[in-house]
Amino acid sequence: MHYVNLGHTGLKVSRICLGCMSYGSSKWRPWVLDEEASQPFFRRAVEAGINFFDTADMYSLGMSEEVTGRALRQYARLEEVVIATKVFNPMSDRPNMSGLSRKHIVQGCEASLKRLGVETIDLYQLHRMDPNTPLEETLAALDLLVRQGKVRYIGASSSAAWKFAKALSLSERHGWARFVSMQNHYNLLYREEEREMMPLCEEEGIGVIPWSPLARGLLAGTRKSLDDKQTTTRAGSDAFAATLYDNPHDWDVVEMVRKVASARGDTPAAVSLAWLLSKPAVVAPIIGATKLEHLEAAIGAVEIKLTPEELKSLEAPYQPHSVRGL
């Protein structure tokens, strides 16, 4: 495994991040693995040198954090790993149980600490921006958590570039803790982030940790078409995916990935991840694995170096999209 700094910090993270949305309770989503079934993934990740794990409070409504915390205490050394979680989405339909108010952020952090079984969260992220809370209130609350020692670093996920830039400016102006990472929607099928967010992150030293790096499995090369929902349990039940990838030209990209992978003797998934890892600001794609071969392909992708010609071929079929995933 290779390790790099998370943006302009001294924090070392593996070039693959294990996304823990897939581990928790199958009662929350049918494709989620329950605790016993999830254990081999944490064990294999640690054995392979992965030290970066990402979850969120709303995944399995807290159960993912509990499963992740117990697994890492069992298989890893907590002083070596980087645990990331997120806040924003509803934990119930009651007042003050969602959003980015000072109250919900502080309460959400304290609840996440208990579920994870740790004293400090390494990377605490905004799952989305909250249009109903002043940005200053949100940033001040995050700074408070850092000063209290409950959080070491802060990050954000899927935001308009202008709003993220405004947040960076406000933090600098007030002397508050500054975002060090951006978890955004970025892969070979969705490259709109290259217009503003990726250049901003590269210029400001923000580490990029893309979600859905394999486009909900489409770039893994196992489906027969964009409309194929039968290949996996998740494909058949993930309504969100249908809102992300519905452009007929997307399939041209999938076919090119297959072509390049076949010529190299690699898997489409590994080639797709290698493309992401070639981007300067990208630190670690977040991998969601429900089969061990998914995890093995991601681990292997770290060693793949694509040629300039291969990179050009992979990017050639792309067509512009409307903004998705915010």
C-alpha atoms as a PDB file:
ATOM      1  CA  MET A   1       0.000   0.000   0.000  1.00  0.00           C
ATOM      2  CA  HIS A   2       1.121   3.555  -0.695  1.00  0.00           C
ATOM      3  CA  TYR A   3       0.496   6.495   1.634  1.00  0.00           C
ATOM      4  CA  VAL A   4       0.202  10.218   0.974  1.00  0.00           C
ATOM      5  CA  ASN A   5      -0.573  13.324   2.971  1.00  0.00           C
ATOM      6  CA  LEU A   6      -4.201  14.374   3.173  1.00  0.00           C
ATOM      7  CA  GLY A   7      -3.994  17.719   1.382  1.00  0.00           C
ATOM      8  CA  HIS A   8      -1.683  20.224   3.052  1.00  0.00           C
ATOM      9  CA  THR A   9      -1.624  18.348   6.366  1.00  0.00           C
ATOM     10  CA  GLY A  10       0.841  15.974   7.960  1.00  0.00           C
ATOM     11  CA  LEU A  11      -1.816  13.251   8.168  1.00  0.00           C
ATOM     12  CA  LYS A  12      -0.803  10.105   6.264  1.00  0.00           C
ATOM     13  CA  VAL A  13      -3.580   8.111   4.603  1.00  0.00           C
ATOM     14  CA  SER A  14      -3.613   5.066   2.344  1.00  0.00           C
ATOM     15  CA  ARG A  15      -4.368   5.650  -1.320  1.00  0.00           C
ATOM     16  CA  ILE A  16      -7.537   3.610  -0.901  1.00  0.00           C
ATOM     17  CA  CYS A  17     -10.222   4.521   1.628  1.00  0.00           C
ATOM     18  CA  LEU A  18     -12.680   1.818   2.690  1.00  0.00           C
ATOM     19  CA  GLY A  19     -16.187   3.239   2.600  1.00  0.00           C
ATOM     20  CA  CYS A  20     -18.281   1.773   5.391  1.00  0.00           C
ATOM     21  CA  MET A  21     -21.764   2.614   4.131  1.00  0.00           C
ATOM     22  CA  SER A  22     -21.996  -1.047   3.102  1.00  0.00           C
ATOM     23  CA  TYR A  23     -21.568  -2.274   6.686  1.00  0.00           C
ATOM     24  CA  GLY A  24     -24.220  -1.930   9.355  1.00  0.00           C
ATOM     25  CA  SER A  25     -27.765  -3.240   9.121  1.00  0.00           C
ATOM     26  CA  SER A  26     -29.559  -4.857   6.190  1.00  0.00           C
ATOM     27  CA  LYS A  27     -32.779  -3.506   7.679  1.00  0.00           C
ATOM     28  CA  TRP A  28     -31.646  -0.050   6.551  1.00  0.00           C
ATOM     29  CA  ARG A  29     -30.831  -1.080   2.948  1.00  0.00           C
ATOM     30  CA  PRO A  30     -31.064  -4.633   1.522  1.00  0.00           C
ATOM     31  CA  TRP A  31     -27.520  -4.535   0.133  1.00  0.00           C
ATOM     32  CA  VAL A  32     -25.887  -3.570   3.445  1.00  0.00           C
ATOM     33  CA  LEU A  33     -23.888  -6.332   5.155  1.00  0.00           C
ATOM     34  CA  ASP A  34     -24.648  -7.054   8.789  1.00  0.00           C
ATOM     35  CA  GLU A  35     -21.815  -6.987  11.322  1.00  0.00           C
ATOM     36  CA  GLU A  36     -20.654 -10.589  11.061  1.00  0.00           C
ATOM     37  CA  ALA A  37     -20.561 -10.509   7.261  1.00  0.00           C
ATOM     38  CA  SER A  38     -18.645  -7.217   7.271  1.00  0.00           C
ATOM     39  CA  GLN A  39     -15.750  -8.403   9.444  1.00  0.00           C
ATOM     40  CA  PRO A  40     -13.661  -9.988   6.640  1.00  0.00           C
ATOM     41  CA  PHE A  41     -13.605  -6.660   4.793  1.00  0.00           C
ATOM     42  CA  PHE A  42     -12.138  -4.751   7.718  1.00  0.00           C
ATOM     43  CA  ARG A  43      -9.655  -7.532   8.422  1.00  0.00           C
ATOM     44  CA  ARG A  44      -8.485  -7.716   4.790  1.00  0.00           C
ATOM     45  CA  ALA A  45      -8.285  -3.921   4.500  1.00  0.00           C
ATOM     46  CA  VAL A  46      -6.033  -3.664   7.545  1.00  0.00           C
ATOM     47  CA  GLU A  47      -3.892  -6.597   6.329  1.00  0.00           C
ATOM     48  CA  ALA A  48      -3.433  -4.827   2.981  1.00  0.00           C
ATOM     49  CA  GLY A  49      -2.293  -1.625   4.684  1.00  0.00           C
ATOM     50  CA  ILE A  50      -5.468   0.433   4.304  1.00  0.00           C
ATOM     51  CA  ASN A  51      -5.573   2.868   7.218  1.00  0.00           C
ATOM     52  CA  PHE A  52      -8.377   5.178   6.030  1.00  0.00           C
ATOM     53  CA  PHE A  53     -12.028   4.377   6.835  1.00  0.00           C
ATOM     54  CA  ASP A  54     -15.044   6.554   6.025  1.00  0.00           C
ATOM     55  CA  THR A  55     -18.559   6.303   7.426  1.00  0.00           C
ATOM     56  CA  ALA A  56     -21.401   8.664   8.420  1.00  0.00           C
ATOM     57  CA  ASP A  57     -23.895   8.975  11.237  1.00  0.00           C
ATOM     58  CA  MET A  58     -26.852   8.346   8.925  1.00  0.00           C
ATOM     59  CA  TYR A  59     -25.506   5.082   7.449  1.00  0.00           C
ATOM     60  CA  SER A  60     -27.745   2.407   8.943  1.00  0.00           C
ATOM     61  CA  LEU A  61     -28.837   5.216  11.298  1.00  0.00           C
ATOM     62  CA  GLY A  62     -25.717   4.896  13.418  1.00  0.00           C
ATOM     63  CA  MET A  63     -25.122   1.164  13.136  1.00  0.00           C
ATOM     64  CA  SER A  64     -22.367   1.626  10.542  1.00  0.00           C
ATOM     65  CA  GLU A  65     -20.368   3.717  13.004  1.00  0.00           C
ATOM     66  CA  GLU A  66     -20.834   1.072  15.701  1.00  0.00           C
ATOM     67  CA  VAL A  67     -19.741  -1.757  13.391  1.00  0.00           C
ATOM     68  CA  THR A  68     -16.801   0.273  12.078  1.00  0.00           C
ATOM     69  CA  GLY A  69     -15.616   1.226  15.539  1.00  0.00           C
ATOM     70  CA  ARG A  70     -15.763  -2.316  16.891  1.00  0.00           C
ATOM     71  CA  ALA A  71     -14.009  -3.758  13.832  1.00  0.00           C
ATOM     72  CA  LEU A  72     -11.159  -1.246  13.923  1.00  0.00           C
ATOM     73  CA  ARG A  73     -10.633  -1.745  17.637  1.00  0.00           C
ATOM     74  CA  GLN A  74     -10.358  -5.477  16.947  1.00  0.00           C
ATOM     75  CA  TYR A  75      -8.224  -5.546  13.793  1.00  0.00           C
ATOM     76  CA  ALA A  76      -6.247  -2.291  13.770  1.00  0.00           C
ATOM     77  CA  ARG A  77      -4.236   0.006  15.994  1.00  0.00           C
ATOM     78  CA  LEU A  78      -6.339   3.093  16.457  1.00  0.00           C
ATOM     79  CA  GLU A  79      -3.277   5.349  16.690  1.00  0.00           C
ATOM     80  CA  GLU A  80      -2.362   4.290  13.121  1.00  0.00           C
ATOM     81  CA  VAL A  81      -5.737   4.502  11.386  1.00  0.00           C
ATOM     82  CA  VAL A  82      -7.737   7.505  10.215  1.00  0.00           C
ATOM     83  CA  ILE A  83     -11.446   7.349  11.030  1.00  0.00           C
ATOM     84  CA  ALA A  84     -13.709   9.701   9.103  1.00  0.00           C
ATOM     85  CA  THR A  85     -17.407  10.247   9.621  1.00  0.00           C
ATOM     86  CA  LYS A  86     -20.004  12.799   8.556  1.00  0.00           C
ATOM     87  CA  VAL A  87     -22.914  14.896   9.836  1.00  0.00           C
ATOM     88  CA  PHE A  88     -25.922  16.620   8.216  1.00  0.00           C
ATOM     89  CA  ASN A  89     -28.523  14.090   7.101  1.00  0.00           C
ATOM     90  CA  PRO A  90     -31.582  13.321   9.254  1.00  0.00           C
ATOM     91  CA  MET A  91     -31.192  10.860  12.100  1.00  0.00           C
ATOM     92  CA  SER A  92     -34.942  11.083  12.696  1.00  0.00           C
ATOM     93  CA  ASP A  93     -37.847  13.277  11.617  1.00  0.00           C
ATOM     94  CA  ARG A  94     -37.828  15.214  14.896  1.00  0.00           C
ATOM     95  CA  PRO A  95     -36.612  18.841  15.336  1.00  0.00           C
ATOM     96  CA  ASN A  96     -32.848  19.481  15.533  1.00  0.00           C
ATOM     97  CA  MET A  97     -32.003  15.970  14.326  1.00  0.00           C
ATOM     98  CA  SER A  98     -30.511  17.097  11.002  1.00  0.00           C
ATOM     99  CA  GLY A  99     -28.737  20.001   9.369  1.00  0.00           C
ATOM    100  CA  LEU A 100     -25.653  21.976  10.350  1.00  0.00           C
ATOM    101  CA  SER A 101     -26.734  24.126  13.273  1.00  0.00           C
ATOM    102  CA  ARG A 102     -24.306  24.435  16.190  1.00  0.00           C
ATOM    103  CA  LYS A 103     -26.683  22.274  18.234  1.00  0.00           C
ATOM    104  CA  HIS A 104     -26.909  19.433  15.736  1.00  0.00           C
ATOM    105  CA  ILE A 105     -23.205  19.448  14.856  1.00  0.00           C
ATOM    106  CA  VAL A 106     -22.092  19.285  18.488  1.00  0.00           C
ATOM    107  CA  GLN A 107     -24.726  16.713  19.435  1.00  0.00           C
ATOM    108  CA  GLY A 108     -24.015  14.724  16.272  1.00  0.00           C
ATOM    109  CA  CYS A 109     -20.301  14.638  16.995  1.00  0.00           C
ATOM    110  CA  GLU A 110     -20.802  13.515  20.576  1.00  0.00           C
ATOM    111  CA  ALA A 111     -23.160  10.748  19.430  1.00  0.00           C
ATOM    112  CA  SER A 112     -20.703   9.616  16.747  1.00  0.00           C
ATOM    113  CA  LEU A 113     -17.870   9.471  19.275  1.00  0.00           C
ATOM    114  CA  LYS A 114     -19.926   7.135  21.472  1.00  0.00           C
ATOM    115  CA  ARG A 115     -20.935   4.898  18.582  1.00  0.00           C
ATOM    116  CA  LEU A 116     -17.381   4.685  17.221  1.00  0.00           C
ATOM    117  CA  GLY A 117     -15.979   4.099  20.696  1.00  0.00           C
ATOM    118  CA  VAL A 118     -13.197   6.677  20.331  1.00  0.00           C
ATOM    119  CA  GLU A 119     -12.264   9.878  22.129  1.00  0.00           C
ATOM    120  CA  THR A 120     -11.493  11.871  18.977  1.00  0.00           C
ATOM    121  CA  ILE A 121     -12.701  11.683  15.356  1.00  0.00           C
ATOM    122  CA  ASP A 122      -9.786  12.040  12.944  1.00  0.00           C
ATOM    123  CA  LEU A 123     -11.751  13.625  10.083  1.00  0.00           C
ATOM    124  CA  TYR A 124     -15.208  15.106  10.716  1.00  0.00           C
ATOM    125  CA  GLN A 125     -17.030  16.053   7.518  1.00  0.00           C
ATOM    126  CA  LEU A 126     -20.121  17.945   6.446  1.00  0.00           C
ATOM    127  CA  HIS A 127     -22.164  15.424   4.475  1.00  0.00           C
ATOM    128  CA  ARG A 128     -23.730  18.288   2.534  1.00  0.00           C
ATOM    129  CA  MET A 129     -23.983  22.055   2.939  1.00  0.00           C
ATOM    130  CA  ASP A 130     -27.038  23.323   4.817  1.00  0.00           C
ATOM    131  CA  PRO A 131     -28.911  26.165   3.060  1.00  0.00           C
ATOM    132  CA  ASN A 132     -30.925  26.824   6.220  1.00  0.00           C
ATOM    133  CA  THR A 133     -28.007  27.546   8.556  1.00  0.00           C
ATOM    134  CA  PRO A 134     -25.573  30.477   8.291  1.00  0.00           C
ATOM    135  CA  LEU A 135     -22.197  29.227   7.102  1.00  0.00           C
ATOM    136  CA  GLU A 136     -20.504  31.165   9.915  1.00  0.00           C
ATOM    137  CA  GLU A 137     -22.488  29.217  12.528  1.00  0.00           C
ATOM    138  CA  THR A 138     -21.508  25.897  10.980  1.00  0.00           C
ATOM    139  CA  LEU A 139     -17.813  26.754  10.709  1.00  0.00           C
ATOM    140  CA  ALA A 140     -17.666  28.136  14.247  1.00  0.00           C
ATOM    141  CA  ALA A 141     -19.233  24.927  15.564  1.00  0.00           C
ATOM    142  CA  LEU A 142     -16.638  22.811  13.740  1.00  0.00           C
ATOM    143  CA  ASP A 143     -13.857  24.993  15.112  1.00  0.00           C
ATOM    144  CA  LEU A 144     -15.248  24.509  18.618  1.00  0.00           C
ATOM    145  CA  LEU A 145     -15.040  20.727  18.224  1.00  0.00           C
ATOM    146  CA  VAL A 146     -11.418  20.977  17.089  1.00  0.00           C
ATOM    147  CA  ARG A 147     -10.511  23.212  20.045  1.00  0.00           C
ATOM    148  CA  GLN A 148     -12.264  20.795  22.429  1.00  0.00           C
ATOM    149  CA  GLY A 149     -10.189  17.917  21.091  1.00  0.00           C
ATOM    150  CA  LYS A 150     -13.195  15.991  19.829  1.00  0.00           C
ATOM    151  CA  VAL A 151     -12.136  16.372  16.182  1.00  0.00           C
ATOM    152  CA  ARG A 152      -8.654  16.531  14.634  1.00  0.00           C
ATOM    153  CA  TYR A 153      -9.426  17.660  11.070  1.00  0.00           C
ATOM    154  CA  ILE A 154     -12.521  18.829   9.235  1.00  0.00           C
ATOM    155  CA  GLY A 155     -13.725  18.209   5.694  1.00  0.00           C
ATOM    156  CA  ALA A 156     -16.732  18.699   3.445  1.00  0.00           C
ATOM    157  CA  SER A 157     -18.600  16.728   0.811  1.00  0.00           C
ATOM    158  CA  SER A 158     -20.320  17.612  -2.468  1.00  0.00           C
ATOM    159  CA  SER A 159     -20.635  21.366  -2.542  1.00  0.00           C
ATOM    160  CA  ALA A 160     -20.774  24.120  -5.107  1.00  0.00           C
ATOM    161  CA  ALA A 161     -17.214  25.351  -5.589  1.00  0.00           C
ATOM    162  CA  TRP A 162     -18.139  28.961  -4.800  1.00  0.00           C
ATOM    163  CA  LYS A 163     -19.601  27.968  -1.443  1.00  0.00           C
ATOM    164  CA  PHE A 164     -16.615  25.829  -0.558  1.00  0.00           C
ATOM    165  CA  ALA A 165     -14.300  28.720  -1.472  1.00  0.00           C
ATOM    166  CA  LYS A 166     -16.384  31.044   0.707  1.00  0.00           C
ATOM    167  CA  ALA A 167     -16.044  28.615   3.624  1.00  0.00           C
ATOM    168  CA  LEU A 168     -12.264  28.516   3.228  1.00  0.00           C
ATOM    169  CA  SER A 169     -12.161  32.316   3.197  1.00  0.00           C
ATOM    170  CA  LEU A 170     -14.368  32.655   6.277  1.00  0.00           C
ATOM    171  CA  SER A 171     -12.227  30.186   8.220  1.00  0.00           C
ATOM    172  CA  GLU A 172      -9.051  32.079   7.376  1.00  0.00           C
ATOM    173  CA  ARG A 173     -10.639  35.435   8.209  1.00  0.00           C
ATOM    174  CA  HIS A 174     -11.789  34.277  11.655  1.00  0.00           C
ATOM    175  CA  GLY A 175      -8.839  32.034  12.488  1.00  0.00           C
ATOM    176  CA  TRP A 176     -11.063  28.957  12.567  1.00  0.00           C
ATOM    177  CA  ALA A 177     -10.081  25.402  11.707  1.00  0.00           C
ATOM    178  CA  ARG A 178      -9.983  25.064   7.918  1.00  0.00           C
ATOM    179  CA  PHE A 179     -11.301  22.310   5.691  1.00  0.00           C
ATOM    180  CA  VAL A 180      -8.544  19.910   4.638  1.00  0.00           C
ATOM    181  CA  SER A 181     -10.552  17.576   2.390  1.00  0.00           C
ATOM    182  CA  MET A 182     -13.371  17.447  -0.143  1.00  0.00           C
ATOM    183  CA  GLN A 183     -15.394  14.262  -0.609  1.00  0.00           C
ATOM    184  CA  ASN A 184     -17.031  14.834  -3.966  1.00  0.00           C
ATOM    185  CA  HIS A 185     -18.788  13.014  -6.787  1.00  0.00           C
ATOM    186  CA  TYR A 186     -16.008  12.329  -9.273  1.00  0.00           C
ATOM    187  CA  ASN A 187     -15.330   9.441 -11.642  1.00  0.00           C
ATOM    188  CA  LEU A 188     -14.924   8.692 -15.361  1.00  0.00           C
ATOM    189  CA  LEU A 189     -18.693   8.979 -15.890  1.00  0.00           C
ATOM    190  CA  TYR A 190     -19.044  12.265 -14.008  1.00  0.00           C
ATOM    191  CA  ARG A 191     -16.261  14.807 -14.514  1.00  0.00           C
ATOM    192  CA  GLU A 192     -18.078  18.102 -14.038  1.00  0.00           C
ATOM    193  CA  GLU A 193     -15.975  18.626 -10.908  1.00  0.00           C
ATOM    194  CA  GLU A 194     -13.043  19.326 -13.226  1.00  0.00           C
ATOM    195  CA  ARG A 195     -14.572  22.697 -14.148  1.00  0.00           C
ATOM    196  CA  GLU A 196     -14.217  24.410 -10.755  1.00  0.00           C
ATOM    197  CA  MET A 197     -13.951  22.136  -7.717  1.00  0.00           C
ATOM    198  CA  MET A 198     -10.863  20.143  -8.716  1.00  0.00           C
ATOM    199  CA  PRO A 199      -8.786  23.232  -9.682  1.00  0.00           C
ATOM    200  CA  LEU A 200      -9.891  24.926  -6.441  1.00  0.00           C
ATOM    201  CA  CYS A 201      -8.804  21.944  -4.347  1.00  0.00           C
ATOM    202  CA  GLU A 202      -5.479  21.662  -6.132  1.00  0.00           C
ATOM    203  CA  GLU A 203      -4.776  25.381  -5.679  1.00  0.00           C
ATOM    204  CA  GLU A 204      -5.810  25.439  -2.009  1.00  0.00           C
ATOM    205  CA  GLY A 205      -4.131  22.179  -0.981  1.00  0.00           C
ATOM    206  CA  ILE A 206      -7.373  20.337  -0.319  1.00  0.00           C
ATOM    207  CA  GLY A 207      -7.218  16.541  -0.452  1.00  0.00           C
ATOM    208  CA  VAL A 208      -9.903  15.030  -2.692  1.00  0.00           C
ATOM    209  CA  ILE A 209     -11.477  11.723  -1.622  1.00  0.00           C
ATOM    210  CA  PRO A 210     -14.105  10.938  -4.299  1.00  0.00           C
ATOM    211  CA  TRP A 211     -17.275   9.031  -3.529  1.00  0.00           C
ATOM    212  CA  SER A 212     -18.787   6.598  -6.024  1.00  0.00           C
ATOM    213  CA  PRO A 213     -15.459   6.187  -7.839  1.00  0.00           C
ATOM    214  CA  LEU A 214     -16.907   3.285  -9.846  1.00  0.00           C
ATOM    215  CA  ALA A 215     -20.178   5.089 -10.638  1.00  0.00           C
ATOM    216  CA  ARG A 216     -22.352   2.794  -8.529  1.00  0.00           C
ATOM    217  CA  GLY A 217     -20.701  -0.224 -10.128  1.00  0.00           C
ATOM    218  CA  LEU A 218     -21.137   0.801 -13.752  1.00  0.00           C
ATOM    219  CA  LEU A 219     -17.378   1.199 -14.194  1.00  0.00           C
ATOM    220  CA  ALA A 220     -16.760  -2.254 -12.728  1.00  0.00           C
ATOM    221  CA  GLY A 221     -17.750  -3.669 -16.121  1.00  0.00           C
ATOM    222  CA  THR A 222     -20.245  -6.258 -14.899  1.00  0.00           C
ATOM    223  CA  ARG A 223     -23.454  -4.739 -16.240  1.00  0.00           C
ATOM    224  CA  LYS A 224     -24.844  -5.236 -19.718  1.00  0.00           C
ATOM    225  CA  SER A 225     -26.297  -1.724 -20.089  1.00  0.00           C
ATOM    226  CA  LEU A 226     -27.128   1.432 -18.146  1.00  0.00           C
ATOM    227  CA  ASP A 227     -30.574  -0.043 -17.494  1.00  0.00           C
ATOM    228  CA  ASP A 228     -29.271  -3.366 -16.174  1.00  0.00           C
ATOM    229  CA  LYS A 229     -30.539  -3.475 -12.570  1.00  0.00           C
ATOM    230  CA  GLN A 230     -30.265  -7.213 -12.013  1.00  0.00           C
ATOM    231  CA  THR A 231     -26.500  -7.647 -11.625  1.00  0.00           C
ATOM    232  CA  THR A 232     -26.392  -6.735  -7.931  1.00  0.00           C
ATOM    233  CA  THR A 233     -28.838  -6.245  -5.072  1.00  0.00           C
ATOM    234  CA  ARG A 234     -27.784  -2.616  -4.814  1.00  0.00           C
ATOM    235  CA  ALA A 235     -28.300  -1.950  -8.526  1.00  0.00           C
ATOM    236  CA  GLY A 236     -31.862  -3.153  -8.203  1.00  0.00           C
ATOM    237  CA  SER A 237     -32.701  -1.032  -5.171  1.00  0.00           C
ATOM    238  CA  ASP A 238     -30.559   2.119  -5.435  1.00  0.00           C
ATOM    239  CA  ALA A 239     -32.937   4.796  -6.706  1.00  0.00           C
ATOM    240  CA  PHE A 240     -30.268   7.467  -6.189  1.00  0.00           C
ATOM    241  CA  ALA A 241     -28.049   5.891  -8.856  1.00  0.00           C
ATOM    242  CA  ALA A 242     -30.738   6.435 -11.492  1.00  0.00           C
ATOM    243  CA  THR A 243     -30.517  10.179 -10.851  1.00  0.00           C
ATOM    244  CA  LEU A 244     -26.736  10.168 -11.360  1.00  0.00           C
ATOM    245  CA  TYR A 245     -26.148   8.142 -14.521  1.00  0.00           C
ATOM    246  CA  ASP A 246     -28.784   8.320 -17.234  1.00  0.00           C
ATOM    247  CA  ASN A 247     -26.894   9.846 -20.174  1.00  0.00           C
ATOM    248  CA  PRO A 248     -26.726   7.420 -23.154  1.00  0.00           C
ATOM    249  CA  HIS A 249     -23.129   8.538 -23.770  1.00  0.00           C
ATOM    250  CA  ASP A 250     -22.172   7.150 -20.364  1.00  0.00           C
ATOM    251  CA  TRP A 251     -22.132   3.686 -21.887  1.00  0.00           C
ATOM    252  CA  ASP A 252     -19.482   4.773 -24.401  1.00  0.00           C
ATOM    253  CA  VAL A 253     -17.209   5.501 -21.442  1.00  0.00           C
ATOM    254  CA  VAL A 254     -17.943   2.102 -19.901  1.00  0.00           C
ATOM    255  CA  GLU A 255     -17.059   0.380 -23.173  1.00  0.00           C
ATOM    256  CA  MET A 256     -13.791   2.296 -23.446  1.00  0.00           C
ATOM    257  CA  VAL A 257     -12.853   1.308 -19.901  1.00  0.00           C
ATOM    258  CA  ARG A 258     -13.475  -2.317 -20.825  1.00  0.00           C
ATOM    259  CA  LYS A 259     -11.347  -1.949 -23.950  1.00  0.00           C
ATOM    260  CA  VAL A 260      -8.382  -0.408 -22.120  1.00  0.00           C
ATOM    261  CA  ALA A 261      -8.651  -2.922 -19.275  1.00  0.00           C
ATOM    262  CA  SER A 262      -8.757  -5.862 -21.683  1.00  0.00           C
ATOM    263  CA  ALA A 263      -5.675  -4.645 -23.541  1.00  0.00           C
ATOM    264  CA  ARG A 264      -3.786  -4.297 -20.261  1.00  0.00           C
ATOM    265  CA  GLY A 265      -5.021  -7.540 -18.716  1.00  0.00           C
ATOM    266  CA  ASP A 266      -6.520  -5.618 -15.795  1.00  0.00           C
ATOM    267  CA  THR A 267     -10.094  -5.340 -14.540  1.00  0.00           C
ATOM    268  CA  PRO A 268     -12.294  -2.379 -15.532  1.00  0.00           C
ATOM    269  CA  ALA A 269     -12.644  -1.477 -11.861  1.00  0.00           C
ATOM    270  CA  ALA A 270      -8.883  -1.334 -11.336  1.00  0.00           C
ATOM    271  CA  VAL A 271      -8.372   0.786 -14.464  1.00  0.00           C
ATOM    272  CA  SER A 272     -11.144   3.206 -13.425  1.00  0.00           C
ATOM    273  CA  LEU A 273      -9.558   3.633 -10.003  1.00  0.00           C
ATOM    274  CA  ALA A 274      -6.086   4.024 -11.506  1.00  0.00           C
ATOM    275  CA  TRP A 275      -7.433   6.881 -13.626  1.00  0.00           C
ATOM    276  CA  LEU A 276      -8.686   8.644 -10.497  1.00  0.00           C
ATOM    277  CA  LEU A 277      -5.401   8.060  -8.688  1.00  0.00           C
ATOM    278  CA  SER A 278      -3.562   9.747 -11.570  1.00  0.00           C
ATOM    279  CA  LYS A 279      -5.262  13.075 -10.801  1.00  0.00           C
ATOM    280  CA  PRO A 280      -3.042  15.446  -8.762  1.00  0.00           C
ATOM    281  CA  ALA A 281      -5.568  16.460  -6.106  1.00  0.00           C
ATOM    282  CA  VAL A 282      -7.045  12.963  -5.612  1.00  0.00           C
ATOM    283  CA  VAL A 283      -5.767  11.379  -2.409  1.00  0.00           C
ATOM    284  CA  ALA A 284      -7.897   8.256  -1.977  1.00  0.00           C
ATOM    285  CA  PRO A 285     -11.070   7.083  -3.746  1.00  0.00           C
ATOM    286  CA  ILE A 286     -13.664   5.773  -1.293  1.00  0.00           C
ATOM    287  CA  ILE A 287     -14.387   2.131  -2.095  1.00  0.00           C
ATOM    288  CA  GLY A 288     -17.650   0.441  -1.182  1.00  0.00           C
ATOM    289  CA  ALA A 289     -17.069  -3.325  -1.213  1.00  0.00           C
ATOM    290  CA  THR A 290     -19.625  -6.058  -0.586  1.00  0.00           C
ATOM    291  CA  LYS A 291     -17.503  -8.791  -2.179  1.00  0.00           C
ATOM    292  CA  LEU A 292     -13.872  -9.384  -1.294  1.00  0.00           C
ATOM    293  CA  GLU A 293     -12.881  -9.338  -4.973  1.00  0.00           C
ATOM    294  CA  HIS A 294     -14.110  -5.715  -5.088  1.00  0.00           C
ATOM    295  CA  LEU A 295     -11.663  -4.848  -2.338  1.00  0.00           C
ATOM    296  CA  GLU A 296      -8.829  -6.799  -3.965  1.00  0.00           C
ATOM    297  CA  ALA A 297      -9.340  -4.936  -7.256  1.00  0.00           C
ATOM    298  CA  ALA A 298      -9.107  -1.624  -5.424  1.00  0.00           C
ATOM    299  CA  ILE A 299      -5.942  -2.654  -3.608  1.00  0.00           C
ATOM    300  CA  GLY A 300      -4.377  -3.723  -6.896  1.00  0.00           C
ATOM    301  CA  ALA A 301      -5.284  -0.451  -8.593  1.00  0.00           C
ATOM    302  CA  VAL A 302      -2.726   1.391  -6.456  1.00  0.00           C
ATOM    303  CA  GLU A 303       0.090  -0.259  -8.430  1.00  0.00           C
ATOM    304  CA  ILE A 304      -1.315   0.524 -11.901  1.00  0.00           C
ATOM    305  CA  LYS A 305       0.284   3.346 -13.872  1.00  0.00           C
ATOM    306  CA  LEU A 306      -1.696   4.275 -16.964  1.00  0.00           C
ATOM    307  CA  THR A 307       0.128   5.660 -19.994  1.00  0.00           C
ATOM    308  CA  PRO A 308      -0.693   9.125 -21.395  1.00  0.00           C
ATOM    309  CA  GLU A 309      -2.304   7.391 -24.381  1.00  0.00           C
ATOM    310  CA  GLU A 310      -4.501   5.235 -22.119  1.00  0.00           C
ATOM    311  CA  LEU A 311      -5.569   8.254 -20.079  1.00  0.00           C
ATOM    312  CA  LYS A 312      -6.490  10.112 -23.259  1.00  0.00           C
ATOM    313  CA  SER A 313      -8.506   7.154 -24.553  1.00  0.00           C
ATOM    314  CA  LEU A 314     -10.407   6.793 -21.288  1.00  0.00           C
ATOM    315  CA  GLU A 315     -11.368  10.472 -21.261  1.00  0.00           C
ATOM    316  CA  ALA A 316     -12.232  10.831 -24.953  1.00  0.00           C
ATOM    317  CA  PRO A 317     -15.868   9.530 -24.927  1.00  0.00           C
ATOM    318  CA  TYR A 318     -17.020  11.808 -22.092  1.00  0.00           C
ATOM    319  CA  GLN A 319     -19.938  14.173 -22.720  1.00  0.00           C
ATOM    320  CA  PRO A 320     -20.904  17.073 -20.388  1.00  0.00           C
ATOM    321  CA  HIS A 321     -23.539  16.399 -17.749  1.00  0.00           C
ATOM    322  CA  SER A 322     -25.839  18.521 -15.665  1.00  0.00           C
ATOM    323  CA  VAL A 323     -24.705  18.892 -12.047  1.00  0.00           C
ATOM    324  CA  ARG A 324     -25.420  15.707 -10.100  1.00  0.00           C
ATOM    325  CA  GLY A 325     -24.904  14.586  -6.529  1.00  0.00           C
ATOM    326  CA  LEU A 326     -25.137  17.838  -4.561  1.00  0.00           C
END
